Amino acid sequence: MTAYVRILGAAIGAPVDFRGPMAKQYRMAIMTFACLMAAVEPLLWERGWVFIASLAVIVLGCVVTVARRVRAAYVALESETNA
């Protein structure tokens, strides 16, 4: 969804915006960490919690990222309209 919002903003004339707390590189870093932790998870506690926690962090971060990108596109388009 973050990529779709970025492309939609660009399609309507706003600058392309790659910022946000859950841009692609951060999502991939969290998933890499989750995969590594999943290898040792059965030794530490019950199975499945690493991926659930990782998914929750990614979803919450993506919501914030989408909101920031939508707001940035809105502000950019409003400034063009008022200029």
PDB file of N, CA and C in Angstrom:
ATOM      1  N   MET A   1       0.822  -1.194   0.000  1.00  0.00           N
ATOM      2  CA  MET A   1       0.000   0.000   0.000  1.00  0.00           C
ATOM      3  C   MET A   1       0.867   1.259   0.000  1.00  0.00           C
ATOM      4  N   THR A   2       1.996   1.191   0.684  1.00  0.00           N
ATOM      5  CA  THR A   2       2.867   2.371   0.714  1.00  0.00           C
ATOM      6  C   THR A   2       3.341   2.729  -0.690  1.00  0.00           C
ATOM      7  N   ALA A   3       3.656   1.722  -1.498  1.00  0.00           N
ATOM      8  CA  ALA A   3       4.097   1.979  -2.873  1.00  0.00           C
ATOM      9  C   ALA A   3       2.957   2.532  -3.721  1.00  0.00           C
ATOM     10  N   TYR A   4       1.757   2.017  -3.524  1.00  0.00           N
ATOM     11  CA  TYR A   4       0.610   2.520  -4.285  1.00  0.00           C
ATOM     12  C   TYR A   4       0.319   3.978  -3.961  1.00  0.00           C
ATOM     13  N   VAL A   5       0.444   4.351  -2.700  1.00  0.00           N
ATOM     14  CA  VAL A   5       0.219   5.747  -2.318  1.00  0.00           C
ATOM     15  C   VAL A   5       1.295   6.640  -2.927  1.00  0.00           C
ATOM     16  N   ARG A   6       2.532   6.163  -2.949  1.00  0.00           N
ATOM     17  CA  ARG A   6       3.617   6.944  -3.555  1.00  0.00           C
ATOM     18  C   ARG A   6       3.352   7.165  -5.035  1.00  0.00           C
ATOM     19  N   ILE A   7       2.975   6.097  -5.739  1.00  0.00           N
ATOM     20  CA  ILE A   7       2.704   6.199  -7.179  1.00  0.00           C
ATOM     21  C   ILE A   7       1.467   7.045  -7.450  1.00  0.00           C
ATOM     22  N   LEU A   8       0.440   6.904  -6.634  1.00  0.00           N
ATOM     23  CA  LEU A   8      -0.763   7.717  -6.806  1.00  0.00           C
ATOM     24  C   LEU A   8      -0.430   9.201  -6.650  1.00  0.00           C
ATOM     25  N   GLY A   9       0.377   9.535  -5.643  1.00  0.00           N
ATOM     26  CA  GLY A   9       0.786  10.928  -5.465  1.00  0.00           C
ATOM     27  C   GLY A   9       1.528  11.448  -6.685  1.00  0.00           C
ATOM     28  N   ALA A  10       2.433  10.632  -7.214  1.00  0.00           N
ATOM     29  CA  ALA A  10       3.180  11.041  -8.411  1.00  0.00           C
ATOM     30  C   ALA A  10       2.256  11.180  -9.616  1.00  0.00           C
ATOM     31  N   ALA A  11       1.270  10.307  -9.717  1.00  0.00           N
ATOM     32  CA  ALA A  11       0.353  10.342 -10.859  1.00  0.00           C
ATOM     33  C   ALA A  11      -0.530  11.585 -10.860  1.00  0.00           C
ATOM     34  N   ILE A  12      -0.833  12.115  -9.687  1.00  0.00           N
ATOM     35  CA  ILE A  12      -1.680  13.307  -9.633  1.00  0.00           C
ATOM     36  C   ILE A  12      -0.871  14.594  -9.586  1.00  0.00           C
ATOM     37  N   GLY A  13       0.452  14.478  -9.707  1.00  0.00           N
ATOM     38  CA  GLY A  13       1.278  15.666  -9.832  1.00  0.00           C
ATOM     39  C   GLY A  13       2.097  16.034  -8.618  1.00  0.00           C
ATOM     40  N   ALA A  14       2.023  15.278  -7.559  1.00  0.00           N
ATOM     41  CA  ALA A  14       2.838  15.556  -6.374  1.00  0.00           C
ATOM     42  C   ALA A  14       4.231  14.967  -6.582  1.00  0.00           C
ATOM     43  N   PRO A  15       5.229  15.486  -5.892  1.00  0.00           N
ATOM     44  CA  PRO A  15       6.569  14.900  -6.018  1.00  0.00           C
ATOM     45  C   PRO A  15       6.597  13.473  -5.472  1.00  0.00           C
ATOM     46  N   VAL A  16       7.475  12.652  -6.024  1.00  0.00           N
ATOM     47  CA  VAL A  16       7.621  11.272  -5.553  1.00  0.00           C
ATOM     48  C   VAL A  16       8.207  11.319  -4.147  1.00  0.00           C
ATOM     49  N   ASP A  17       7.580  10.581  -3.232  1.00  0.00           N
ATOM     50  CA  ASP A  17       7.935  10.650  -1.815  1.00  0.00           C
ATOM     51  C   ASP A  17       8.287   9.256  -1.304  1.00  0.00           C
ATOM     52  N   PHE A  18       9.556   9.070  -0.946  1.00  0.00           N
ATOM     53  CA  PHE A  18      10.012   7.780  -0.444  1.00  0.00           C
ATOM     54  C   PHE A  18      10.157   7.756   1.074  1.00  0.00           C
ATOM     55  N   ARG A  19       9.783   8.829   1.752  1.00  0.00           N
ATOM     56  CA  ARG A  19      10.021   8.892   3.196  1.00  0.00           C
ATOM     57  C   ARG A  19       8.972   8.107   3.973  1.00  0.00           C
ATOM     58  N   GLY A  20       9.241   7.984   5.244  1.00  0.00           N
ATOM     59  CA  GLY A  20       8.306   7.302   6.133  1.00  0.00           C
ATOM     60  C   GLY A  20       9.026   6.303   7.014  1.00  0.00           C
ATOM     61  N   PRO A  21       8.455   6.020   8.164  1.00  0.00           N
ATOM     62  CA  PRO A  21       9.122   5.092   9.082  1.00  0.00           C
ATOM     63  C   PRO A  21       9.091   3.640   8.600  1.00  0.00           C
ATOM     64  N   MET A  22       8.291   3.335   7.614  1.00  0.00           N
ATOM     65  CA  MET A  22       8.226   1.957   7.151  1.00  0.00           C
ATOM     66  C   MET A  22       8.357   1.888   5.638  1.00  0.00           C
ATOM     67  N   ALA A  23       9.388   2.573   5.140  1.00  0.00           N
ATOM     68  CA  ALA A  23       9.706   2.461   3.715  1.00  0.00           C
ATOM     69  C   ALA A  23      10.231   1.052   3.453  1.00  0.00           C
ATOM     70  N   LYS A  24      10.413   0.709   2.205  1.00  0.00           N
ATOM     71  CA  LYS A  24      10.730  -0.671   1.832  1.00  0.00           C
ATOM     72  C   LYS A  24      11.945  -1.232   2.564  1.00  0.00           C
ATOM     73  N   GLN A  25      13.004  -0.463   2.677  1.00  0.00           N
ATOM     74  CA  GLN A  25      14.220  -0.987   3.300  1.00  0.00           C
ATOM     75  C   GLN A  25      13.998  -1.323   4.773  1.00  0.00           C
ATOM     76  N   TYR A  26      13.146  -0.580   5.454  1.00  0.00           N
ATOM     77  CA  TYR A  26      12.868  -0.856   6.865  1.00  0.00           C
ATOM     78  C   TYR A  26      11.968  -2.079   7.017  1.00  0.00           C
ATOM     79  N   ARG A  27      11.006  -2.244   6.124  1.00  0.00           N
ATOM     80  CA  ARG A  27      10.167  -3.447   6.157  1.00  0.00           C
ATOM     81  C   ARG A  27      11.013  -4.690   5.929  1.00  0.00           C
ATOM     82  N   MET A  28      11.939  -4.613   4.984  1.00  0.00           N
ATOM     83  CA  MET A  28      12.794  -5.759   4.698  1.00  0.00           C
ATOM     84  C   MET A  28      13.747  -6.049   5.858  1.00  0.00           C
ATOM     85  N   ALA A  29      14.221  -5.013   6.522  1.00  0.00           N
ATOM     86  CA  ALA A  29      15.103  -5.217   7.676  1.00  0.00           C
ATOM     87  C   ALA A  29      14.352  -5.905   8.817  1.00  0.00           C
ATOM     88  N   ILE A  30      13.128  -5.494   9.065  1.00  0.00           N
ATOM     89  CA  ILE A  30      12.334  -6.128  10.120  1.00  0.00           C
ATOM     90  C   ILE A  30      12.061  -7.587   9.777  1.00  0.00           C
ATOM     91  N   MET A  31      11.733  -7.874   8.534  1.00  0.00           N
ATOM     92  CA  MET A  31      11.466  -9.266   8.148  1.00  0.00           C
ATOM     93  C   MET A  31      12.735 -10.119   8.211  1.00  0.00           C
ATOM     94  N   THR A  32      13.870  -9.555   7.855  1.00  0.00           N
ATOM     95  CA  THR A  32      15.129 -10.297   7.963  1.00  0.00           C
ATOM     96  C   THR A  32      15.415 -10.636   9.412  1.00  0.00           C
ATOM     97  N   PHE A  33      15.231  -9.658  10.298  1.00  0.00           N
ATOM     98  CA  PHE A  33      15.427  -9.900  11.721  1.00  0.00           C
ATOM     99  C   PHE A  33      14.447 -10.952  12.230  1.00  0.00           C
ATOM    100  N   ALA A  34      13.192 -10.888  11.794  1.00  0.00           N
ATOM    101  CA  ALA A  34      12.184 -11.859  12.221  1.00  0.00           C
ATOM    102  C   ALA A  34      12.552 -13.269  11.756  1.00  0.00           C
ATOM    103  N   CYS A  35      13.040 -13.395  10.543  1.00  0.00           N
ATOM    104  CA  CYS A  35      13.435 -14.713  10.043  1.00  0.00           C
ATOM    105  C   CYS A  35      14.615 -15.277  10.826  1.00  0.00           C
ATOM    106  N   LEU A  36      15.557 -14.417  11.160  1.00  0.00           N
ATOM    107  CA  LEU A  36      16.696 -14.886  11.962  1.00  0.00           C
ATOM    108  C   LEU A  36      16.257 -15.275  13.374  1.00  0.00           C
ATOM    109  N   MET A  37      15.373 -14.484  13.956  1.00  0.00           N
ATOM    110  CA  MET A  37      14.879 -14.797  15.301  1.00  0.00           C
ATOM    111  C   MET A  37      14.006 -16.052  15.305  1.00  0.00           C
ATOM    112  N   ALA A  38      13.313 -16.310  14.211  1.00  0.00           N
ATOM    113  CA  ALA A  38      12.455 -17.496  14.130  1.00  0.00           C
ATOM    114  C   ALA A  38      13.276 -18.779  14.216  1.00  0.00           C
ATOM    115  N   ALA A  39      14.538 -18.711  13.827  1.00  0.00           N
ATOM    116  CA  ALA A  39      15.393 -19.887  13.902  1.00  0.00           C
ATOM    117  C   ALA A  39      15.691 -20.286  15.348  1.00  0.00           C
ATOM    118  N   VAL A  40      15.769 -19.302  16.234  1.00  0.00           N
ATOM    119  CA  VAL A  40      16.068 -19.592  17.644  1.00  0.00           C
ATOM    120  C   VAL A  40      14.845 -19.460  18.546  1.00  0.00           C
ATOM    121  N   GLU A  41      13.736 -19.059  17.982  1.00  0.00           N
ATOM    122  CA  GLU A  41      12.526 -18.854  18.782  1.00  0.00           C
ATOM    123  C   GLU A  41      12.084 -20.088  19.568  1.00  0.00           C
ATOM    124  N   PRO A  42      12.093 -21.282  18.993  1.00  0.00           N
ATOM    125  CA  PRO A  42      11.638 -22.444  19.766  1.00  0.00           C
ATOM    126  C   PRO A  42      12.491 -22.711  21.014  1.00  0.00           C
ATOM    127  N   LEU A  43      13.722 -22.266  21.006  1.00  0.00           N
ATOM    128  CA  LEU A  43      14.597 -22.463  22.161  1.00  0.00           C
ATOM    129  C   LEU A  43      14.292 -21.474  23.284  1.00  0.00           C
ATOM    130  N   LEU A  44      13.686 -20.347  22.959  1.00  0.00           N
ATOM    131  CA  LEU A  44      13.484 -19.276  23.932  1.00  0.00           C
ATOM    132  C   LEU A  44      12.067 -19.214  24.486  1.00  0.00           C
ATOM    133  N   TRP A  45      11.072 -19.366  23.633  1.00  0.00           N
ATOM    134  CA  TRP A  45       9.670 -19.273  24.058  1.00  0.00           C
ATOM    135  C   TRP A  45       8.793 -19.969  23.030  1.00  0.00           C
ATOM    136  N   GLU A  46       7.482 -19.826  23.182  1.00  0.00           N
ATOM    137  CA  GLU A  46       6.565 -20.484  22.252  1.00  0.00           C
ATOM    138  C   GLU A  46       6.777 -19.998  20.826  1.00  0.00           C
ATOM    139  N   ARG A  47       6.410 -20.832  19.893  1.00  0.00           N
ATOM    140  CA  ARG A  47       6.593 -20.492  18.485  1.00  0.00           C
ATOM    141  C   ARG A  47       5.517 -19.531  18.001  1.00  0.00           C
ATOM    142  N   GLY A  48       5.878 -18.718  17.037  1.00  0.00           N
ATOM    143  CA  GLY A  48       4.916 -17.866  16.354  1.00  0.00           C
ATOM    144  C   GLY A  48       4.880 -16.418  16.788  1.00  0.00           C
ATOM    145  N   TRP A  49       5.424 -16.100  17.925  1.00  0.00           N
ATOM    146  CA  TRP A  49       5.316 -14.727  18.427  1.00  0.00           C
ATOM    147  C   TRP A  49       6.216 -13.753  17.684  1.00  0.00           C
ATOM    148  N   VAL A  50       7.333 -14.212  17.183  1.00  0.00           N
ATOM    149  CA  VAL A  50       8.245 -13.314  16.462  1.00  0.00           C
ATOM    150  C   VAL A  50       7.576 -12.778  15.205  1.00  0.00           C
ATOM    151  N   PHE A  51       6.943 -13.650  14.443  1.00  0.00           N
ATOM    152  CA  PHE A  51       6.303 -13.198  13.209  1.00  0.00           C
ATOM    153  C   PHE A  51       5.066 -12.348  13.491  1.00  0.00           C
ATOM    154  N   ILE A  52       4.324 -12.679  14.527  1.00  0.00           N
ATOM    155  CA  ILE A  52       3.159 -11.863  14.875  1.00  0.00           C
ATOM    156  C   ILE A  52       3.593 -10.468  15.298  1.00  0.00           C
ATOM    157  N   ALA A  53       4.615 -10.376  16.134  1.00  0.00           N
ATOM    158  CA  ALA A  53       5.118  -9.070  16.580  1.00  0.00           C
ATOM    159  C   ALA A  53       5.690  -8.286  15.402  1.00  0.00           C
ATOM    160  N   SER A  54       6.418  -8.951  14.531  1.00  0.00           N
ATOM    161  CA  SER A  54       6.991  -8.285  13.352  1.00  0.00           C
ATOM    162  C   SER A  54       5.904  -7.751  12.446  1.00  0.00           C
ATOM    163  N   LEU A  55       4.877  -8.552  12.230  1.00  0.00           N
ATOM    164  CA  LEU A  55       3.764  -8.110  11.394  1.00  0.00           C
ATOM    165  C   LEU A  55       3.054  -6.904  12.007  1.00  0.00           C
ATOM    166  N   ALA A  56       2.877  -6.914  13.316  1.00  0.00           N
ATOM    167  CA  ALA A  56       2.231  -5.781  13.985  1.00  0.00           C
ATOM    168  C   ALA A  56       3.054  -4.509  13.822  1.00  0.00           C
ATOM    169  N   VAL A  57       4.363  -4.607  13.973  1.00  0.00           N
ATOM    170  CA  VAL A  57       5.236  -3.443  13.812  1.00  0.00           C
ATOM    171  C   VAL A  57       5.172  -2.928  12.375  1.00  0.00           C
ATOM    172  N   ILE A  58       5.204  -3.831  11.415  1.00  0.00           N
ATOM    173  CA  ILE A  58       5.157  -3.428  10.007  1.00  0.00           C
ATOM    174  C   ILE A  58       3.826  -2.774   9.674  1.00  0.00           C
ATOM    175  N   VAL A  59       2.727  -3.341  10.130  1.00  0.00           N
ATOM    176  CA  VAL A  59       1.408  -2.772   9.831  1.00  0.00           C
ATOM    177  C   VAL A  59       1.269  -1.379  10.433  1.00  0.00           C
ATOM    178  N   LEU A  60       1.638  -1.228  11.696  1.00  0.00           N
ATOM    179  CA  LEU A  60       1.532   0.094  12.332  1.00  0.00           C
ATOM    180  C   LEU A  60       2.443   1.112  11.649  1.00  0.00           C
ATOM    181  N   GLY A  61       3.648   0.698  11.314  1.00  0.00           N
ATOM    182  CA  GLY A  61       4.560   1.592  10.617  1.00  0.00           C
ATOM    183  C   GLY A  61       4.060   1.972   9.237  1.00  0.00           C
ATOM    184  N   CYS A  62       3.434   1.025   8.540  1.00  0.00           N
ATOM    185  CA  CYS A  62       2.894   1.316   7.211  1.00  0.00           C
ATOM    186  C   CYS A  62       1.725   2.291   7.282  1.00  0.00           C
ATOM    187  N   VAL A  63       0.909   2.182   8.318  1.00  0.00           N
ATOM    188  CA  VAL A  63      -0.193   3.134   8.483  1.00  0.00           C
ATOM    189  C   VAL A  63       0.358   4.545   8.649  1.00  0.00           C
ATOM    190  N   VAL A  64       1.396   4.681   9.459  1.00  0.00           N
ATOM    191  CA  VAL A  64       2.016   6.000   9.654  1.00  0.00           C
ATOM    192  C   VAL A  64       2.657   6.483   8.354  1.00  0.00           C
ATOM    193  N   THR A  65       3.331   5.595   7.654  1.00  0.00           N
ATOM    194  CA  THR A  65       3.979   5.956   6.390  1.00  0.00           C
ATOM    195  C   THR A  65       2.960   6.420   5.358  1.00  0.00           C
ATOM    196  N   VAL A  66       1.866   5.679   5.226  1.00  0.00           N
ATOM    197  CA  VAL A  66       0.823   6.058   4.273  1.00  0.00           C
ATOM    198  C   VAL A  66       0.238   7.413   4.636  1.00  0.00           C
ATOM    199  N   ALA A  67      -0.021   7.631   5.911  1.00  0.00           N
ATOM    200  CA  ALA A  67      -0.574   8.920   6.339  1.00  0.00           C
ATOM    201  C   ALA A  67       0.390  10.062   6.029  1.00  0.00           C
ATOM    202  N   ARG A  68       1.671   9.870   6.273  1.00  0.00           N
ATOM    203  CA  ARG A  68       2.655  10.919   5.980  1.00  0.00           C
ATOM    204  C   ARG A  68       2.751  11.208   4.492  1.00  0.00           C
ATOM    205  N   ARG A  69       2.726  10.162   3.673  1.00  0.00           N
ATOM    206  CA  ARG A  69       2.830  10.355   2.226  1.00  0.00           C
ATOM    207  C   ARG A  69       1.586  11.025   1.659  1.00  0.00           C
ATOM    208  N   VAL A  70       0.415  10.640   2.158  1.00  0.00           N
ATOM    209  CA  VAL A  70      -0.818  11.280   1.694  1.00  0.00           C
ATOM    210  C   VAL A  70      -0.813  12.747   2.083  1.00  0.00           C
ATOM    211  N   ARG A  71      -0.407  13.036   3.311  1.00  0.00           N
ATOM    212  CA  ARG A  71      -0.356  14.429   3.763  1.00  0.00           C
ATOM    213  C   ARG A  71       0.646  15.235   2.943  1.00  0.00           C
ATOM    214  N   ALA A  72       1.816  14.660   2.665  1.00  0.00           N
ATOM    215  CA  ALA A  72       2.825  15.369   1.868  1.00  0.00           C
ATOM    216  C   ALA A  72       2.307  15.648   0.463  1.00  0.00           C
ATOM    217  N   ALA A  73       1.607  14.693  -0.144  1.00  0.00           N
ATOM    218  CA  ALA A  73       1.033  14.916  -1.476  1.00  0.00           C
ATOM    219  C   ALA A  73      -0.028  16.001  -1.423  1.00  0.00           C
ATOM    220  N   TYR A  74      -0.853  15.976  -0.399  1.00  0.00           N
ATOM    221  CA  TYR A  74      -1.896  16.999  -0.241  1.00  0.00           C
ATOM    222  C   TYR A  74      -1.285  18.388  -0.093  1.00  0.00           C
ATOM    223  N   VAL A  75      -0.284  18.498   0.758  1.00  0.00           N
ATOM    224  CA  VAL A  75       0.357  19.796   0.980  1.00  0.00           C
ATOM    225  C   VAL A  75       1.025  20.285  -0.306  1.00  0.00           C
ATOM    226  N   ALA A  76       1.679  19.382  -1.040  1.00  0.00           N
ATOM    227  CA  ALA A  76       2.341  19.778  -2.290  1.00  0.00           C
ATOM    228  C   ALA A  76       1.321  20.250  -3.324  1.00  0.00           C
ATOM    229  N   LEU A  77       0.213  19.552  -3.432  1.00  0.00           N
ATOM    230  CA  LEU A  77      -0.791  19.942  -4.409  1.00  0.00           C
ATOM    231  C   LEU A  77      -1.512  21.229  -3.994  1.00  0.00           C
ATOM    232  N   GLU A  78      -1.737  21.407  -2.711  1.00  0.00           N
ATOM    233  CA  GLU A  78      -2.367  22.640  -2.219  1.00  0.00           C
ATOM    234  C   GLU A  78      -1.432  23.836  -2.461  1.00  0.00           C
ATOM    235  N   SER A  79      -0.156  23.661  -2.263  1.00  0.00           N
ATOM    236  CA  SER A  79       0.764  24.782  -2.467  1.00  0.00           C
ATOM    237  C   SER A  79       0.834  25.150  -3.950  1.00  0.00           C
ATOM    238  N   GLU A  80       0.703  24.173  -4.842  1.00  0.00           N
ATOM    239  CA  GLU A  80       0.660  24.467  -6.274  1.00  0.00           C
ATOM    240  C   GLU A  80      -0.626  25.217  -6.644  1.00  0.00           C
ATOM    241  N   THR A  81      -1.709  24.814  -6.032  1.00  0.00           N
ATOM    242  CA  THR A  81      -3.013  25.426  -6.321  1.00  0.00           C
ATOM    243  C   THR A  81      -3.053  26.876  -5.843  1.00  0.00           C
ATOM    244  N   ASN A  82      -2.467  27.121  -4.677  1.00  0.00           N
ATOM    245  CA  ASN A  82      -2.491  28.473  -4.106  1.00  0.00           C
ATOM    246  C   ASN A  82      -1.414  29.382  -4.668  1.00  0.00           C
ATOM    247  N   ALA A  83      -0.457  28.826  -5.378  1.00  0.00           N
ATOM    248  CA  ALA A  83       0.643  29.649  -5.892  1.00  0.00           C
ATOM    249  C   ALA A  83       0.261  30.378  -7.157  1.00  0.00           C
TER     250      ALA A  83
END
